[in-house]
Amino acid sequence: MNITAWPTKLLVVDVEGNGANPPDLVEVAALPIRDGQADKTTAGAWLIRPPRPVTPFATRVHGLTNEALAAAPSWEETAGAVGDFLAGAWICAHNAHVDYRVLSAHLPKWEPAGVLDTLRLAKATYQGLPSYGLDALISHRQPDLTDAPAVGRHRATYDAYATAQLLLAMAEQYDTWDQLVAAAVPPGLPGAPEPEEEATLW
């Protein structure tokens, strides 16, 4: 695929929450894709002190504790920087409905240019897999994660990096950006292709 046809601002994002319903954010990562590569040098990453405690279950998933987040800024202190970083961008995430919904709830004035979902893209690209979770896709495709952040799985920076590598690997199977969008943007989310109108015979 011709990478120059991609949007100039494409961010692979991942969020982690405190386990509440609806969740409060505890971590956000946004990793730019530039010239067909994940650009860690300009990535955004934020730890956030949630207004409600992190549940034990959430801590078991991502490892972030209330004590570790006690000195982090609140969302009110962080929202401006995150909103500015995401402004005008296409975003990509694994199971993107979740990240899009949580970010939209926290940034009510924000609207991405479009939303790519690597879960939806994987189902179109690798048909017949028993699972399309992030771990299963990493095992299936085996992307190079040697430069991934050392924090490990279920942390936003690591998962955004892994998702970026999967996006780039799957994009090789598509000839154009429009083909990628058709396979990867869920219906109803920003950037989804308009449905074709049926021809009417008069």
Protein backbone atom coordinates (compact mmCIF):
# COMPACT_ATOMS: atom_id res chain seq x y z
CA MET A 1 0.00 0.00 0.00
CA ASN A 2 1.07 3.55 -0.70
CA ILE A 3 1.68 4.92 2.81
CA THR A 4 1.68 8.49 1.50
CA ALA A 5 -2.07 8.14 0.97
CA TRP A 6 -2.62 7.66 4.70
CA PRO A 7 -3.86 10.56 6.83
CA THR A 8 -1.10 12.89 7.99
CA LYS A 9 -2.29 12.45 11.57
CA LEU A 10 -3.05 8.85 12.53
CA LEU A 11 -2.76 7.84 16.18
CA VAL A 12 -2.97 4.35 17.61
CA VAL A 13 -4.62 4.77 20.99
CA ASP A 14 -5.27 2.68 24.05
CA VAL A 15 -6.93 3.53 27.35
CA GLU A 16 -6.99 1.85 30.74
CA GLY A 17 -9.66 2.44 33.35
CA ASN A 18 -10.22 2.10 37.07
CA GLY A 19 -12.75 -0.71 36.78
CA ALA A 20 -15.77 1.42 37.62
CA ASN A 21 -18.86 1.51 35.42
CA PRO A 22 -18.61 3.81 33.55
CA PRO A 23 -14.83 3.82 33.91
CA ASP A 24 -12.60 6.66 34.99
CA LEU A 25 -9.41 6.89 32.96
CA VAL A 26 -6.14 5.95 34.62
CA GLU A 27 -3.91 5.78 31.51
CA VAL A 28 -4.07 7.04 27.93
CA ALA A 29 -1.54 6.38 25.17
CA ALA A 30 -1.50 7.82 21.64
CA LEU A 31 1.17 6.57 19.24
CA PRO A 32 1.59 8.34 15.87
CA ILE A 33 2.08 6.41 12.65
CA ARG A 34 4.53 8.30 10.44
CA ASP A 35 5.98 7.10 7.14
CA GLY A 36 4.67 3.61 7.78
CA GLN A 37 6.28 3.30 11.21
CA ALA A 38 5.21 3.69 14.82
CA ASP A 39 6.87 6.90 16.02
CA LYS A 40 7.60 6.50 19.72
CA THR A 41 9.60 9.75 19.79
CA THR A 42 6.44 11.85 19.45
CA ALA A 43 4.00 9.58 21.31
CA GLY A 44 1.71 10.86 24.03
CA ALA A 45 1.27 8.98 27.31
CA TRP A 46 -0.59 10.10 30.42
CA LEU A 47 -1.15 8.56 33.84
CA ILE A 48 -4.24 9.92 35.57
CA ARG A 49 -5.42 9.89 39.18
CA PRO A 50 -9.06 8.79 38.98
CA PRO A 51 -11.78 10.39 41.13
CA ARG A 52 -12.86 6.93 42.27
CA PRO A 53 -10.49 4.19 43.49
CA VAL A 54 -9.02 1.61 41.14
CA THR A 55 -10.77 -1.69 41.76
CA PRO A 56 -8.74 -4.77 42.70
CA PHE A 57 -9.83 -6.45 39.46
CA ALA A 58 -8.57 -3.55 37.33
CA THR A 59 -5.27 -3.56 39.19
CA ARG A 60 -4.88 -7.27 38.49
CA VAL A 61 -5.35 -6.53 34.76
CA HIS A 62 -3.07 -3.54 34.22
CA GLY A 63 -1.03 -3.41 37.43
CA LEU A 64 -1.81 0.22 38.25
CA THR A 65 -2.63 0.76 41.92
CA ASN A 66 -4.19 3.65 43.79
CA GLU A 67 -0.82 4.24 45.44
CA ALA A 68 0.98 4.38 42.09
CA LEU A 69 -1.51 6.93 40.78
CA ALA A 70 -1.72 9.07 43.92
CA ALA A 71 0.76 11.63 42.59
CA ALA A 72 -0.59 11.63 39.02
CA PRO A 73 -2.62 14.62 37.80
CA SER A 74 -6.41 14.46 37.72
CA TRP A 75 -8.35 14.24 34.47
CA GLU A 76 -9.25 17.92 34.80
CA GLU A 77 -5.53 18.69 34.73
CA THR A 78 -4.87 16.29 31.85
CA ALA A 79 -7.87 16.66 29.54
CA GLY A 80 -6.55 19.72 27.68
CA ALA A 81 -3.29 18.05 26.71
CA VAL A 82 -5.00 14.83 25.62
CA GLY A 83 -7.64 16.71 23.65
CA ASP A 84 -5.03 18.83 21.89
CA PHE A 85 -2.98 15.73 21.02
CA LEU A 86 -5.98 13.90 19.55
CA ALA A 87 -7.49 16.89 17.76
CA GLY A 88 -8.07 16.35 14.04
CA ALA A 89 -6.60 12.83 14.04
CA TRP A 90 -7.73 9.50 12.76
CA ILE A 91 -7.47 7.05 15.62
CA CYS A 92 -6.91 3.31 15.62
CA ALA A 93 -7.54 0.92 18.48
CA HIS A 94 -8.23 -2.75 19.10
CA ASN A 95 -11.95 -3.16 19.71
CA ALA A 96 -12.16 0.54 18.96
CA HIS A 97 -15.75 0.98 20.12
CA VAL A 98 -14.50 0.81 23.70
CA ASP A 99 -11.68 3.34 23.40
CA TYR A 100 -13.80 5.68 21.28
CA ARG A 101 -16.71 5.53 23.75
CA VAL A 102 -14.52 6.15 26.81
CA LEU A 103 -12.54 8.97 25.21
CA SER A 104 -15.72 10.60 23.89
CA ALA A 105 -17.26 10.50 27.36
CA HIS A 106 -14.19 12.20 28.82
CA LEU A 107 -13.75 14.65 25.90
CA PRO A 108 -17.31 15.63 24.94
CA LYS A 109 -16.17 18.24 22.39
CA TRP A 110 -13.77 15.86 20.63
CA GLU A 111 -14.58 14.04 17.43
CA PRO A 112 -11.92 12.07 15.53
CA ALA A 113 -11.58 12.30 11.77
CA GLY A 114 -12.11 8.55 11.63
CA VAL A 115 -11.80 5.35 13.69
CA LEU A 116 -9.93 2.24 12.56
CA ASP A 117 -10.60 -0.96 14.50
CA THR A 118 -7.88 -3.62 14.30
CA LEU A 119 -10.33 -6.20 15.69
CA ARG A 120 -12.68 -5.64 12.76
CA LEU A 121 -9.72 -5.46 10.37
CA ALA A 122 -8.30 -8.74 11.67
CA LYS A 123 -11.59 -10.55 11.12
CA ALA A 124 -11.53 -9.40 7.48
CA THR A 125 -7.82 -10.09 6.99
CA TYR A 126 -7.30 -13.35 8.90
CA GLN A 127 -10.54 -15.20 8.43
CA GLY A 128 -11.19 -18.35 10.44
CA LEU A 129 -9.03 -17.69 13.49
CA PRO A 130 -10.40 -19.14 16.75
CA SER A 131 -9.85 -15.82 18.53
CA TYR A 132 -9.26 -12.20 17.57
CA GLY A 133 -8.11 -10.89 20.94
CA LEU A 134 -4.90 -8.90 21.01
CA ASP A 135 -2.89 -11.78 22.51
CA ALA A 136 -4.24 -14.21 19.91
CA LEU A 137 -3.34 -11.86 17.04
CA ILE A 138 0.14 -11.25 18.43
CA SER A 139 0.63 -15.02 18.59
CA HIS A 140 -0.75 -15.49 15.06
CA ARG A 141 1.08 -12.65 13.29
CA GLN A 142 4.14 -12.45 15.59
CA PRO A 143 4.92 -8.76 14.99
CA ASP A 144 8.29 -7.40 16.08
CA LEU A 145 7.71 -6.08 19.61
CA THR A 146 11.35 -5.77 20.65
CA ASP A 147 10.98 -1.98 20.84
CA ALA A 148 7.68 -2.09 22.74
CA PRO A 149 7.59 -0.23 26.08
CA ALA A 150 8.86 -2.38 28.92
CA VAL A 151 5.69 -1.99 31.00
CA GLY A 152 4.11 -5.08 29.42
CA ARG A 153 0.66 -6.16 28.23
CA HIS A 154 -2.48 -4.37 29.42
CA ARG A 155 -0.62 -1.10 29.87
CA ALA A 156 -1.74 1.54 27.41
CA THR A 157 1.67 2.31 25.91
CA TYR A 158 2.49 -1.36 25.28
CA ASP A 159 -0.91 -2.22 23.85
CA ALA A 160 -0.87 0.83 21.57
CA TYR A 161 2.54 -0.22 20.24
CA ALA A 162 1.41 -3.82 19.67
CA THR A 163 -1.76 -2.64 17.96
CA ALA A 164 0.27 -0.34 15.72
CA GLN A 165 2.46 -3.21 14.59
CA LEU A 166 -0.59 -5.33 13.83
CA LEU A 167 -2.20 -2.49 11.88
CA LEU A 168 0.91 -2.04 9.75
CA ALA A 169 1.20 -5.78 9.14
CA MET A 170 -2.44 -6.13 8.10
CA ALA A 171 -2.31 -3.00 5.93
CA GLU A 172 0.11 -4.86 3.64
CA GLN A 173 -2.85 -6.96 2.49
CA TYR A 174 -4.71 -3.94 1.09
CA ASP A 175 -3.89 -1.95 -2.02
CA THR A 176 -5.42 1.39 -1.07
CA TRP A 177 -6.36 3.44 1.97
CA ASP A 178 -10.03 3.25 0.92
CA GLN A 179 -9.87 -0.55 0.95
CA LEU A 180 -8.36 -0.47 4.43
CA VAL A 181 -11.04 1.92 5.65
CA ALA A 182 -13.79 -0.28 4.22
CA ALA A 183 -12.43 -3.26 6.14
CA ALA A 184 -11.46 -1.51 9.37
CA VAL A 185 -13.98 1.24 10.19
CA PRO A 186 -17.04 -0.05 12.04
CA PRO A 187 -20.40 1.15 10.70
CA GLY A 188 -21.67 4.18 12.57
CA LEU A 189 -18.27 5.38 13.71
CA PRO A 190 -16.49 8.41 12.23
CA GLY A 191 -14.85 7.72 8.88
CA ALA A 192 -17.14 4.86 7.90
CA PRO A 193 -17.82 4.76 4.15
CA GLU A 194 -21.24 5.97 3.08
CA PRO A 195 -23.47 3.04 2.07
CA GLU A 196 -23.96 2.81 -1.65
CA GLU A 197 -27.38 3.89 -2.82
CA GLU A 198 -29.33 1.24 -4.67
CA ALA A 199 -30.05 2.07 -8.27
CA THR A 200 -33.68 2.93 -8.90
CA LEU A 201 -35.34 1.80 -12.11
CA TRP A 202 -37.91 4.19 -13.47
